[in-house]
PDB file of N, CA and C in Angstrom:
ATOM      1  N   UNK A   1     102.570 110.092  99.327  1.00  0.00           N
ATOM      2  CA  UNK A   1     103.277 110.197 100.584  1.00  0.00           C
ATOM      3  C   UNK A   1     103.205 108.839 101.278  1.00  0.00           C
ATOM      4  N   UNK A   2     104.306 108.463 101.893  1.00  0.00           N
ATOM      5  CA  UNK A   2     104.350 107.196 102.612  1.00  0.00           C
ATOM      6  C   UNK A   2     103.799 107.370 104.017  1.00  0.00           C
ATOM      7  N   UNK A   3     103.369 106.259 104.605  1.00  0.00           N
ATOM      8  CA  UNK A   3     102.864 106.299 105.975  1.00  0.00           C
ATOM      9  C   UNK A   3     104.001 106.572 106.936  1.00  0.00           C
ATOM     10  N   UNK A   4     103.677 107.294 107.991  1.00  0.00           N
ATOM     11  CA  UNK A   4     104.646 107.586 109.040  1.00  0.00           C
ATOM     12  C   UNK A   4     104.385 106.681 110.222  1.00  0.00           C
ATOM     13  N   UNK A   5     105.422 106.330 110.911  1.00  0.00           N
ATOM     14  CA  UNK A   5     105.266 105.576 112.148  1.00  0.00           C
ATOM     15  C   UNK A   5     104.816 106.551 113.227  1.00  0.00           C
ATOM     16  N   UNK A   6     103.821 106.210 114.049  1.00  0.00           N
ATOM     17  CA  UNK A   6     103.401 107.123 115.094  1.00  0.00           C
ATOM     18  C   UNK A   6     104.435 107.261 116.203  1.00  0.00           C
ATOM     19  N   UNK A   7     105.192 106.224 116.439  1.00  0.00           N
ATOM     20  CA  UNK A   7     106.241 106.258 117.456  1.00  0.00           C
ATOM     21  C   UNK A   7     107.469 105.556 116.904  1.00  0.00           C
ATOM     22  N   UNK A   8     108.622 105.967 117.381  1.00  0.00           N
ATOM     23  CA  UNK A   8     109.860 105.385 116.897  1.00  0.00           C
ATOM     24  C   UNK A   8     110.155 104.063 117.574  1.00  0.00           C
ATOM     25  N   UNK A   9     110.610 103.118 116.794  1.00  0.00           N
ATOM     26  CA  UNK A   9     111.055 101.857 117.377  1.00  0.00           C
ATOM     27  C   UNK A   9     112.546 101.909 117.694  1.00  0.00           C
ATOM     28  N   UNK A  10     113.213 102.965 117.222  1.00  0.00           N
ATOM     29  CA  UNK A  10     114.655 103.092 117.464  1.00  0.00           C
ATOM     30  C   UNK A  10     114.961 103.499 118.890  1.00  0.00           C
ATOM     31  N   UNK A  11     114.085 104.306 119.475  1.00  0.00           N
ATOM     32  CA  UNK A  11     114.290 104.759 120.839  1.00  0.00           C
ATOM     33  C   UNK A  11     115.469 105.706 120.992  1.00  0.00           C
ATOM     34  N   UNK A  12     115.820 106.416 119.930  1.00  0.00           N
ATOM     35  CA  UNK A  12     116.929 107.369 119.994  1.00  0.00           C
ATOM     36  C   UNK A  12     116.425 108.764 119.677  1.00  0.00           C
ATOM     37  N   UNK A  13     117.111 109.753 120.203  1.00  0.00           N
ATOM     38  CA  UNK A  13     116.786 111.139 119.905  1.00  0.00           C
ATOM     39  C   UNK A  13     117.508 111.555 118.628  1.00  0.00           C
ATOM     40  N   UNK A  14     116.994 112.616 118.002  1.00  0.00           N
ATOM     41  CA  UNK A  14     117.577 113.107 116.754  1.00  0.00           C
ATOM     42  C   UNK A  14     119.059 113.418 116.930  1.00  0.00           C
ATOM     43  N   UNK A  15     119.431 113.984 118.071  1.00  0.00           N
ATOM     44  CA  UNK A  15     120.838 114.325 118.312  1.00  0.00           C
ATOM     45  C   UNK A  15     121.717 113.084 118.442  1.00  0.00           C
ATOM     46  N   UNK A  16     121.123 111.923 118.748  1.00  0.00           N
ATOM     47  CA  UNK A  16     121.896 110.681 118.767  1.00  0.00           C
ATOM     48  C   UNK A  16     122.227 110.242 117.339  1.00  0.00           C
ATOM     49  N   UNK A  17     121.330 110.559 116.419  1.00  0.00           N
ATOM     50  CA  UNK A  17     121.526 110.210 115.016  1.00  0.00           C
ATOM     51  C   UNK A  17     122.460 111.220 114.349  1.00  0.00           C
ATOM     52  N   UNK A  18     122.255 112.500 114.635  1.00  0.00           N
ATOM     53  CA  UNK A  18     123.083 113.591 114.104  1.00  0.00           C
ATOM     54  C   UNK A  18     123.711 114.323 115.291  1.00  0.00           C
ATOM     55  N   UNK A  19     124.856 113.897 115.788  1.00  0.00           N
ATOM     56  CA  UNK A  19     125.460 114.521 116.979  1.00  0.00           C
ATOM     57  C   UNK A  19     125.712 116.019 116.854  1.00  0.00           C
ATOM     58  N   UNK A  20     125.888 116.528 115.635  1.00  0.00           N
ATOM     59  CA  UNK A  20     126.122 117.966 115.484  1.00  0.00           C
ATOM     60  C   UNK A  20     124.871 118.790 115.794  1.00  0.00           C
ATOM     61  N   UNK A  21     123.728 118.155 115.973  1.00  0.00           N
ATOM     62  CA  UNK A  21     122.492 118.868 116.305  1.00  0.00           C
ATOM     63  C   UNK A  21     122.243 118.958 117.801  1.00  0.00           C
ATOM     64  N   UNK A  22     123.117 118.390 118.615  1.00  0.00           N
ATOM     65  CA  UNK A  22     122.878 118.282 120.049  1.00  0.00           C
ATOM     66  C   UNK A  22     122.625 119.633 120.714  1.00  0.00           C
ATOM     67  N   UNK A  23     123.247 120.699 120.257  1.00  0.00           N
ATOM     68  CA  UNK A  23     123.069 122.014 120.870  1.00  0.00           C
ATOM     69  C   UNK A  23     122.034 122.881 120.161  1.00  0.00           C
ATOM     70  N   UNK A  24     121.370 122.343 119.173  1.00  0.00           N
ATOM     71  CA  UNK A  24     120.378 123.109 118.415  1.00  0.00           C
ATOM     72  C   UNK A  24     119.044 123.169 119.152  1.00  0.00           C
ATOM     73  N   UNK A  25     118.407 124.335 119.115  1.00  0.00           N
ATOM     74  CA  UNK A  25     117.071 124.484 119.694  1.00  0.00           C
ATOM     75  C   UNK A  25     115.995 124.196 118.649  1.00  0.00           C
ATOM     76  N   UNK A  26     116.314 124.506 117.377  1.00  0.00           N
ATOM     77  CA  UNK A  26     115.345 124.345 116.298  1.00  0.00           C
ATOM     78  C   UNK A  26     115.967 123.582 115.134  1.00  0.00           C
ATOM     79  N   UNK A  27     115.136 122.807 114.471  1.00  0.00           N
ATOM     80  CA  UNK A  27     115.558 122.002 113.329  1.00  0.00           C
ATOM     81  C   UNK A  27     114.674 122.350 112.139  1.00  0.00           C
ATOM     82  N   UNK A  28     115.302 122.538 110.989  1.00  0.00           N
ATOM     83  CA  UNK A  28     114.600 122.827 109.737  1.00  0.00           C
ATOM     84  C   UNK A  28     114.500 121.545 108.930  1.00  0.00           C
ATOM     85  N   UNK A  29     113.359 121.332 108.298  1.00  0.00           N
ATOM     86  CA  UNK A  29     113.124 120.126 107.512  1.00  0.00           C
ATOM     87  C   UNK A  29     113.305 120.413 106.023  1.00  0.00           C
ATOM     88  N   UNK A  30     114.233 119.747 105.406  1.00  0.00           N
ATOM     89  CA  UNK A  30     114.492 119.885 103.979  1.00  0.00           C
ATOM     90  C   UNK A  30     113.302 119.417 103.143  1.00  0.00           C
ATOM     91  N   UNK A  31     112.507 118.519 103.698  1.00  0.00           N
ATOM     92  CA  UNK A  31     111.379 117.952 102.963  1.00  0.00           C
ATOM     93  C   UNK A  31     110.232 118.952 102.810  1.00  0.00           C
ATOM     94  N   UNK A  32     109.837 119.606 103.917  1.00  0.00           N
ATOM     95  CA  UNK A  32     108.697 120.539 103.875  1.00  0.00           C
ATOM     96  C   UNK A  32     109.099 122.003 104.049  1.00  0.00           C
ATOM     97  N   UNK A  33     110.377 122.261 104.336  1.00  0.00           N
ATOM     98  CA  UNK A  33     110.934 123.610 104.470  1.00  0.00           C
ATOM     99  C   UNK A  33     110.432 124.353 105.708  1.00  0.00           C
ATOM    100  N   UNK A  34     109.940 123.606 106.709  1.00  0.00           N
ATOM    101  CA  UNK A  34     109.455 124.228 107.941  1.00  0.00           C
ATOM    102  C   UNK A  34     110.407 123.940 109.091  1.00  0.00           C
ATOM    103  N   UNK A  35     110.260 124.718 110.146  1.00  0.00           N
ATOM    104  CA  UNK A  35     111.152 124.608 111.297  1.00  0.00           C
ATOM    105  C   UNK A  35     110.346 124.322 112.563  1.00  0.00           C
ATOM    106  N   UNK A  36     110.926 123.462 113.411  1.00  0.00           N
ATOM    107  CA  UNK A  36     110.285 123.072 114.662  1.00  0.00           C
ATOM    108  C   UNK A  36     111.351 122.912 115.746  1.00  0.00           C
ATOM    109  N   UNK A  37     110.942 123.015 117.025  1.00  0.00           N
ATOM    110  CA  UNK A  37     111.885 122.749 118.109  1.00  0.00           C
ATOM    111  C   UNK A  37     112.401 121.309 118.014  1.00  0.00           C
ATOM    112  N   UNK A  38     113.635 121.097 118.398  1.00  0.00           N
ATOM    113  CA  UNK A  38     114.221 119.759 118.296  1.00  0.00           C
ATOM    114  C   UNK A  38     113.425 118.738 119.102  1.00  0.00           C
ATOM    115  N   UNK A  39     112.826 119.160 120.200  1.00  0.00           N
ATOM    116  CA  UNK A  39     112.030 118.243 121.013  1.00  0.00           C
ATOM    117  C   UNK A  39     110.844 117.658 120.273  1.00  0.00           C
ATOM    118  N   UNK A  40     110.303 118.404 119.313  1.00  0.00           N
ATOM    119  CA  UNK A  40     109.193 117.882 118.512  1.00  0.00           C
ATOM    120  C   UNK A  40     109.675 116.753 117.605  1.00  0.00           C
ATOM    121  N   UNK A  41     110.881 116.882 117.073  1.00  0.00           N
ATOM    122  CA  UNK A  41     111.455 115.799 116.265  1.00  0.00           C
ATOM    123  C   UNK A  41     111.733 114.589 117.138  1.00  0.00           C
ATOM    124  N   UNK A  42     112.194 114.809 118.353  1.00  0.00           N
ATOM    125  CA  UNK A  42     112.553 113.708 119.251  1.00  0.00           C
ATOM    126  C   UNK A  42     111.359 112.839 119.618  1.00  0.00           C
ATOM    127  N   UNK A  43     110.150 113.400 119.558  1.00  0.00           N
ATOM    128  CA  UNK A  43     108.959 112.634 119.895  1.00  0.00           C
ATOM    129  C   UNK A  43     108.769 111.444 118.965  1.00  0.00           C
ATOM    130  N   UNK A  44     109.028 111.616 117.662  1.00  0.00           N
ATOM    131  CA  UNK A  44     108.755 110.550 116.699  1.00  0.00           C
ATOM    132  C   UNK A  44     109.926 110.226 115.777  1.00  0.00           C
ATOM    133  N   UNK A  45     110.967 111.043 115.810  1.00  0.00           N
ATOM    134  CA  UNK A  45     112.118 110.944 114.901  1.00  0.00           C
ATOM    135  C   UNK A  45     111.749 111.243 113.453  1.00  0.00           C
ATOM    136  N   UNK A  46     110.581 111.837 113.249  1.00  0.00           N
ATOM    137  CA  UNK A  46     110.169 112.311 111.935  1.00  0.00           C
ATOM    138  C   UNK A  46     109.839 113.786 112.062  1.00  0.00           C
ATOM    139  N   UNK A  47     109.754 114.474 110.944  1.00  0.00           N
ATOM    140  CA  UNK A  47     109.327 115.865 110.977  1.00  0.00           C
ATOM    141  C   UNK A  47     107.978 115.941 111.685  1.00  0.00           C
ATOM    142  N   UNK A  48     107.807 116.891 112.592  1.00  0.00           N
ATOM    143  CA  UNK A  48     106.557 116.977 113.340  1.00  0.00           C
ATOM    144  C   UNK A  48     105.358 117.478 112.533  1.00  0.00           C
ATOM    145  N   UNK A  49     105.574 118.028 111.344  1.00  0.00           N
ATOM    146  CA  UNK A  49     104.448 118.514 110.541  1.00  0.00           C
ATOM    147  C   UNK A  49     103.568 117.327 110.135  1.00  0.00           C
ATOM    148  N   UNK A  50     102.278 117.446 110.374  1.00  0.00           N
ATOM    149  CA  UNK A  50     101.347 116.348 110.113  1.00  0.00           C
ATOM    150  C   UNK A  50     101.331 115.923 108.649  1.00  0.00           C
ATOM    151  N   UNK A  51     101.579 116.849 107.745  1.00  0.00           N
ATOM    152  CA  UNK A  51     101.517 116.537 106.317  1.00  0.00           C
ATOM    153  C   UNK A  51     102.893 116.294 105.697  1.00  0.00           C
ATOM    154  N   UNK A  52     103.887 116.022 106.528  1.00  0.00           N
ATOM    155  CA  UNK A  52     105.255 115.810 106.040  1.00  0.00           C
ATOM    156  C   UNK A  52     105.773 114.462 106.543  1.00  0.00           C
ATOM    157  N   UNK A  53     106.503 113.763 105.697  1.00  0.00           N
ATOM    158  CA  UNK A  53     107.120 112.506 106.135  1.00  0.00           C
ATOM    159  C   UNK A  53     108.639 112.619 106.115  1.00  0.00           C
ATOM    160  N   UNK A  54     109.140 113.836 106.380  1.00  0.00           N
ATOM    161  CA  UNK A  54     110.574 114.052 106.459  1.00  0.00           C
ATOM    162  C   UNK A  54     111.197 113.194 107.548  1.00  0.00           C
ATOM    163  N   UNK A  55     112.358 112.667 107.255  1.00  0.00           N
ATOM    164  CA  UNK A  55     113.063 111.782 108.178  1.00  0.00           C
ATOM    165  C   UNK A  55     114.269 112.512 108.768  1.00  0.00           C
ATOM    166  N   UNK A  56     115.025 111.863 109.635  1.00  0.00           N
ATOM    167  CA  UNK A  56     116.238 112.487 110.153  1.00  0.00           C
ATOM    168  C   UNK A  56     117.213 112.911 109.047  1.00  0.00           C
ATOM    169  N   UNK A  57     117.141 112.284 107.900  1.00  0.00           N
ATOM    170  CA  UNK A  57     118.008 112.685 106.781  1.00  0.00           C
ATOM    171  C   UNK A  57     117.648 114.070 106.258  1.00  0.00           C
ATOM    172  N   UNK A  58     116.436 114.546 106.562  1.00  0.00           N
ATOM    173  CA  UNK A  58     115.979 115.867 106.130  1.00  0.00           C
ATOM    174  C   UNK A  58     116.256 116.953 107.165  1.00  0.00           C
ATOM    175  N   UNK A  59     116.736 116.581 108.339  1.00  0.00           N
ATOM    176  CA  UNK A  59     116.954 117.527 109.439  1.00  0.00           C
ATOM    177  C   UNK A  59     118.217 118.351 109.214  1.00  0.00           C
ATOM    178  N   UNK A  60     118.084 119.663 109.412  1.00  0.00           N
ATOM    179  CA  UNK A  60     119.219 120.572 109.282  1.00  0.00           C
ATOM    180  C   UNK A  60     119.256 121.524 110.475  1.00  0.00           C
ATOM    181  N   UNK A  61     120.436 121.911 110.866  1.00  0.00           N
ATOM    182  CA  UNK A  61     120.614 122.835 111.987  1.00  0.00           C
ATOM    183  C   UNK A  61     120.089 124.214 111.612  1.00  0.00           C
ATOM    184  N   UNK A  62     119.128 124.717 112.373  1.00  0.00           N
ATOM    185  CA  UNK A  62     118.550 126.025 112.099  1.00  0.00           C
ATOM    186  C   UNK A  62     119.597 127.134 112.202  1.00  0.00           C
ATOM    187  N   UNK A  63     120.452 127.086 113.194  1.00  0.00           N
ATOM    188  CA  UNK A  63     121.409 128.177 113.400  1.00  0.00           C
ATOM    189  C   UNK A  63     122.302 128.384 112.178  1.00  0.00           C
ATOM    190  N   UNK A  64     122.698 127.311 111.530  1.00  0.00           N
ATOM    191  CA  UNK A  64     123.542 127.431 110.333  1.00  0.00           C
ATOM    192  C   UNK A  64     122.758 128.025 109.167  1.00  0.00           C
ATOM    193  N   UNK A  65     121.525 127.575 108.976  1.00  0.00           N
ATOM    194  CA  UNK A  65     120.705 128.117 107.896  1.00  0.00           C
ATOM    195  C   UNK A  65     120.367 129.582 108.135  1.00  0.00           C
ATOM    196  N   UNK A  66     120.042 129.927 109.384  1.00  0.00           N
ATOM    197  CA  UNK A  66     119.727 131.315 109.714  1.00  0.00           C
ATOM    198  C   UNK A  66     120.923 132.218 109.390  1.00  0.00           C
ATOM    199  N   UNK A  67     122.091 131.751 109.727  1.00  0.00           N
ATOM    200  CA  UNK A  67     123.310 132.516 109.428  1.00  0.00           C
ATOM    201  C   UNK A  67     123.530 132.627 107.922  1.00  0.00           C
ATOM    202  N   UNK A  68     123.417 131.519 107.217  1.00  0.00           N
ATOM    203  CA  UNK A  68     123.715 131.499 105.785  1.00  0.00           C
ATOM    204  C   UNK A  68     122.702 132.264 104.943  1.00  0.00           C
ATOM    205  N   UNK A  69     121.420 132.263 105.352  1.00  0.00           N
ATOM    206  CA  UNK A  69     120.368 132.892 104.547  1.00  0.00           C
ATOM    207  C   UNK A  69     119.854 134.201 105.126  1.00  0.00           C
ATOM    208  N   UNK A  70     120.395 134.622 106.268  1.00  0.00           N
ATOM    209  CA  UNK A  70     119.940 135.867 106.881  1.00  0.00           C
ATOM    210  C   UNK A  70     118.555 135.745 107.502  1.00  0.00           C
ATOM    211  N   UNK A  71     118.176 134.534 107.906  1.00  0.00           N
ATOM    212  CA  UNK A  71     116.889 134.308 108.549  1.00  0.00           C
ATOM    213  C   UNK A  71     117.005 134.661 110.029  1.00  0.00           C
ATOM    214  N   UNK A  72     115.874 134.845 110.717  1.00  0.00           N
ATOM    215  CA  UNK A  72     115.931 135.219 112.139  1.00  0.00           C
ATOM    216  C   UNK A  72     116.579 134.130 112.999  1.00  0.00           C
ATOM    217  N   UNK A  73     117.267 134.555 114.040  1.00  0.00           N
ATOM    218  CA  UNK A  73     117.922 133.609 114.948  1.00  0.00           C
ATOM    219  C   UNK A  73     116.891 132.723 115.651  1.00  0.00           C
ATOM    220  N   UNK A  74     115.735 133.304 115.967  1.00  0.00           N
ATOM    221  CA  UNK A  74     114.641 132.551 116.577  1.00  0.00           C
ATOM    222  C   UNK A  74     113.520 132.472 115.540  1.00  0.00           C
ATOM    223  N   UNK A  75     113.282 131.287 114.984  1.00  0.00           N
ATOM    224  CA  UNK A  75     112.294 131.160 113.918  1.00  0.00           C
ATOM    225  C   UNK A  75     110.856 131.094 114.436  1.00  0.00           C
ATOM    226  N   UNK A  76     109.927 131.290 113.533  1.00  0.00           N
ATOM    227  CA  UNK A  76     108.513 131.082 113.831  1.00  0.00           C
ATOM    228  C   UNK A  76     108.235 129.598 113.612  1.00  0.00           C
ATOM    229  N   UNK A  77     107.821 128.920 114.668  1.00  0.00           N
ATOM    230  CA  UNK A  77     107.591 127.475 114.596  1.00  0.00           C
ATOM    231  C   UNK A  77     106.552 127.137 113.533  1.00  0.00           C
ATOM    232  N   UNK A  78     106.889 126.178 112.662  1.00  0.00           N
ATOM    233  CA  UNK A  78     105.982 125.715 111.626  1.00  0.00           C
ATOM    234  C   UNK A  78     105.968 126.557 110.365  1.00  0.00           C
ATOM    235  N   UNK A  79     106.639 127.693 110.374  1.00  0.00           N
ATOM    236  CA  UNK A  79     106.666 128.565 109.195  1.00  0.00           C
ATOM    237  C   UNK A  79     107.580 127.984 108.121  1.00  0.00           C
ATOM    238  N   UNK A  80     107.214 128.199 106.864  1.00  0.00           N
ATOM    239  CA  UNK A  80     108.048 127.778 105.743  1.00  0.00           C
ATOM    240  C   UNK A  80     109.167 128.801 105.563  1.00  0.00           C
ATOM    241  N   UNK A  81     110.387 128.312 105.499  1.00  0.00           N
ATOM    242  CA  UNK A  81     111.560 129.125 105.177  1.00  0.00           C
ATOM    243  C   UNK A  81     112.174 128.479 103.942  1.00  0.00           C
ATOM    244  N   UNK A  82     111.990 129.129 102.806  1.00  0.00           N
ATOM    245  CA  UNK A  82     112.359 128.549 101.520  1.00  0.00           C
ATOM    246  C   UNK A  82     113.664 129.140 100.992  1.00  0.00           C
ATOM    247  N   UNK A  83     114.738 128.377 101.030  1.00  0.00           N
ATOM    248  CA  UNK A  83     116.023 128.891 100.535  1.00  0.00           C
ATOM    249  C   UNK A  83     116.086 128.967  99.011  1.00  0.00           C
ATOM    250  N   UNK A  84     115.094 128.388  98.343  1.00  0.00           N
ATOM    251  CA  UNK A  84     115.106 128.344  96.886  1.00  0.00           C
ATOM    252  C   UNK A  84     114.351 129.495  96.245  1.00  0.00           C
ATOM    253  N   UNK A  85     113.595 130.268  97.051  1.00  0.00           N
ATOM    254  CA  UNK A  85     112.828 131.375  96.504  1.00  0.00           C
ATOM    255  C   UNK A  85     113.670 132.652  96.488  1.00  0.00           C
ATOM    256  N   UNK A  86     113.247 133.569  95.667  1.00  0.00           N
ATOM    257  CA  UNK A  86     113.926 134.861  95.598  1.00  0.00           C
ATOM    258  C   UNK A  86     113.601 135.653  96.861  1.00  0.00           C
ATOM    259  N   UNK A  87     114.563 136.407  97.393  1.00  0.00           N
ATOM    260  CA  UNK A  87     114.290 137.198  98.617  1.00  0.00           C
ATOM    261  C   UNK A  87     113.281 138.301  98.374  1.00  0.00           C
TER     262      UNK A  87
END
């Protein structure tokens, strides 16, 4: 695993990088398969999970995934939601 920056030097929020996420409350990380409030991503611009180095490229809109996979509209923060496992 690569080192993570503790703070962003970009000074931008995740929604500035991915404008389609601006109305999202929760973001799912493709890297670790966990979900967190968008504000947690905005703190560092990396996945908030301590053991994950997911970047903004790994961020996905929770509402779309919840709809597509039948997951709850309001997720459990930090829980793994694995689209690759059998239901």
